[in-house]
C-alpha atoms as a PDB file:
ATOM      1  CA  MET A   1      71.405  96.573 108.060  1.00  0.00           C
ATOM      2  CA  VAL A   2      74.215  96.463 105.080  1.00  0.00           C
ATOM      3  CA  GLU A   3      75.360  92.690 105.962  1.00  0.00           C
ATOM      4  CA  GLN A   4      72.120  91.202 105.657  1.00  0.00           C
ATOM      5  CA  ASP A   5      71.571  93.072 102.784  1.00  0.00           C
ATOM      6  CA  LEU A   6      74.434  91.264 100.958  1.00  0.00           C
ATOM      7  CA  ALA A   7      73.616  88.100 102.337  1.00  0.00           C
ATOM      8  CA  ASP A   8      70.037  88.270 100.643  1.00  0.00           C
ATOM      9  CA  ALA A   9      71.874  89.322  98.078  1.00  0.00           C
ATOM     10  CA  LEU A  10      74.316  86.583  97.340  1.00  0.00           C
ATOM     11  CA  ASN A  11      71.759  83.857  98.809  1.00  0.00           C
ATOM     12  CA  ALA A  12      73.628  80.815  97.567  1.00  0.00           C
ATOM     13  CA  GLY A  13      70.918  78.820  97.652  1.00  0.00           C
ATOM     14  CA  LYS A  14      68.823  81.079  95.055  1.00  0.00           C
ATOM     15  CA  LEU A  15      71.740  81.229  92.763  1.00  0.00           C
ATOM     16  CA  ALA A  16      72.536  77.522  92.979  1.00  0.00           C
ATOM     17  CA  ALA A  17      68.714  77.020  92.205  1.00  0.00           C
ATOM     18  CA  ALA A  18      68.816  79.343  89.123  1.00  0.00           C
ATOM     19  CA  GLY A  19      71.883  77.144  87.737  1.00  0.00           C
ATOM     20  CA  LEU A  20      74.120  80.243  87.840  1.00  0.00           C
ATOM     21  CA  ALA A  21      77.506  79.953  87.968  1.00  0.00           C
ATOM     22  CA  VAL A  22      78.867  82.528  90.013  1.00  0.00           C
ATOM     23  CA  LEU A  23      82.535  83.882  91.220  1.00  0.00           C
ATOM     24  CA  TYR A  24      83.244  84.747  94.863  1.00  0.00           C
ATOM     25  CA  LEU A  25      86.544  87.261  94.539  1.00  0.00           C
ATOM     26  CA  GLU A  26      88.163  88.377  97.397  1.00  0.00           C
ATOM     27  CA  LEU A  27      90.737  90.816  97.382  1.00  0.00           C
ATOM     28  CA  GLY A  28      93.094  91.400 100.449  1.00  0.00           C
ATOM     29  CA  VAL A  29      90.556  90.261 102.979  1.00  0.00           C
ATOM     30  CA  GLY A  30      92.294  89.082 106.310  1.00  0.00           C
ATOM     31  CA  MET A  31      91.253  86.917 109.241  1.00  0.00           C
ATOM     32  CA  ASN A  32      90.712  90.529 111.676  1.00  0.00           C
ATOM     33  CA  THR A  33      86.870  89.835 110.363  1.00  0.00           C
ATOM     34  CA  PRO A  34      86.261  86.635 108.083  1.00  0.00           C
ATOM     35  CA  GLY A  35      82.660  86.385 109.071  1.00  0.00           C
ATOM     36  CA  ILE A  36      81.829  89.292 107.125  1.00  0.00           C
ATOM     37  CA  ILE A  37      83.305  88.014 103.567  1.00  0.00           C
ATOM     38  CA  LYS A  38      85.769  85.029 103.799  1.00  0.00           C
ATOM     39  CA  TYR A  39      83.395  82.473 105.492  1.00  0.00           C
ATOM     40  CA  PRO A  40      80.249  83.677 103.748  1.00  0.00           C
ATOM     41  CA  PHE A  41      82.231  83.583 100.388  1.00  0.00           C
ATOM     42  CA  TRP A  42      83.529  79.716 101.286  1.00  0.00           C
ATOM     43  CA  LYS A  43      80.214  78.435 102.649  1.00  0.00           C
ATOM     44  CA  MET A  44      78.129  79.685  99.460  1.00  0.00           C
ATOM     45  CA  THR A  45      81.143  78.003  97.566  1.00  0.00           C
ATOM     46  CA  LEU A  46      80.510  75.041  98.635  1.00  0.00           C
ATOM     47  CA  GLU A  47      76.602  74.809  98.523  1.00  0.00           C
ATOM     48  CA  ASN A  48      76.890  75.990  95.197  1.00  0.00           C
ATOM     49  CA  ARG A  49      78.254  73.529  92.837  1.00  0.00           C
ATOM     50  CA  ARG A  50      78.734  75.816  89.975  1.00  0.00           C
ATOM     51  CA  ALA A  51      80.678  78.383  91.850  1.00  0.00           C
ATOM     52  CA  THR A  52      84.567  79.185  91.976  1.00  0.00           C
ATOM     53  CA  TYR A  53      86.352  80.978  94.533  1.00  0.00           C
ATOM     54  CA  ALA A  54      89.285  83.218  94.211  1.00  0.00           C
ATOM     55  CA  CYS A  55      91.208  85.211  96.518  1.00  0.00           C
ATOM     56  CA  ILE A  56      94.652  87.255  96.107  1.00  0.00           C
ATOM     57  CA  ASN A  57      95.982  87.976  99.219  1.00  0.00           C
ATOM     58  CA  GLN A  58      99.585  88.618 100.105  1.00  0.00           C
ATOM     59  CA  GLU A  59     100.036  87.156 103.532  1.00  0.00           C
ATOM     60  CA  GLU A  60      96.599  85.039 103.532  1.00  0.00           C
ATOM     61  CA  SER A  61      96.161  83.002 100.876  1.00  0.00           C
ATOM     62  CA  TYR A  62      94.246  80.355 101.809  1.00  0.00           C
ATOM     63  CA  VAL A  63      91.435  77.930 101.035  1.00  0.00           C
ATOM     64  CA  PRO A  64      89.559  75.320 102.897  1.00  0.00           C
ATOM     65  CA  PRO A  65      89.715  71.787 101.159  1.00  0.00           C
ATOM     66  CA  GLU A  66      86.105  70.799 100.628  1.00  0.00           C
ATOM     67  CA  ILE A  67      85.994  73.649  98.038  1.00  0.00           C
ATOM     68  CA  ARG A  68      90.055  73.792  96.485  1.00  0.00           C
ATOM     69  CA  GLY A  69      88.803  72.134  93.531  1.00  0.00           C
ATOM     70  CA  ARG A  70      86.637  74.996  92.452  1.00  0.00           C
ATOM     71  CA  SER A  71      89.036  78.018  94.103  1.00  0.00           C
ATOM     72  CA  VAL A  72      91.774  79.629  93.077  1.00  0.00           C
ATOM     73  CA  CYS A  73      94.727  81.778  95.567  1.00  0.00           C
ATOM     74  CA  ILE A  74      97.183  83.722  94.746  1.00  0.00           C
ATOM     75  CA  ALA A  75      99.251  84.701  97.336  1.00  0.00           C
ATOM     76  CA  ALA A  76     100.649  87.960  95.715  1.00  0.00           C
ATOM     77  CA  ASP A  77     100.657  91.660  96.296  1.00  0.00           C
ATOM     78  CA  ILE A  78      97.223  92.684  94.382  1.00  0.00           C
ATOM     79  CA  GLY A  79      98.690  95.856  92.835  1.00  0.00           C
ATOM     80  CA  GLN A  80     101.087  93.844  91.254  1.00  0.00           C
ATOM     81  CA  VAL A  81      98.675  91.164  89.828  1.00  0.00           C
ATOM     82  CA  LEU A  82      96.016  93.708  88.567  1.00  0.00           C
ATOM     83  CA  GLU A  83      99.217  95.298  86.623  1.00  0.00           C
ATOM     84  CA  GLN A  84     100.389  91.809  85.236  1.00  0.00           C
ATOM     85  CA  LEU A  85      96.263  90.913  84.268  1.00  0.00           C
ATOM     86  CA  ALA A  86      95.811  94.842  82.631  1.00  0.00           C
ATOM     87  CA  PRO A  87      97.850  94.076  79.259  1.00  0.00           C
ATOM     88  CA  LEU A  88      95.563  91.089  78.947  1.00  0.00           C
ATOM     89  CA  GLU A  89      92.574  93.070  78.212  1.00  0.00           C
ATOM     90  CA  ARG A  90      93.814  94.659  74.989  1.00  0.00           C
END
């Protein structure tokens, strides 16, 4: 099952125990199926003090208060955000 493989690979407990800093980057994920990406990312960010959650979503940019201090939400079009970031790589 793909979802279980993803959950195993991103196991927050293992990443936190290893002392790894992690960025959970969510691009355009809405609330149609939040249990697949959104909720697990929030949970893993909460469980790992070295984790950061970031989302780019034009219409549904939200973060729970429990992880707000370690989160970045951009309420904008993904394409426009990436265009603005592209010159920074040079």
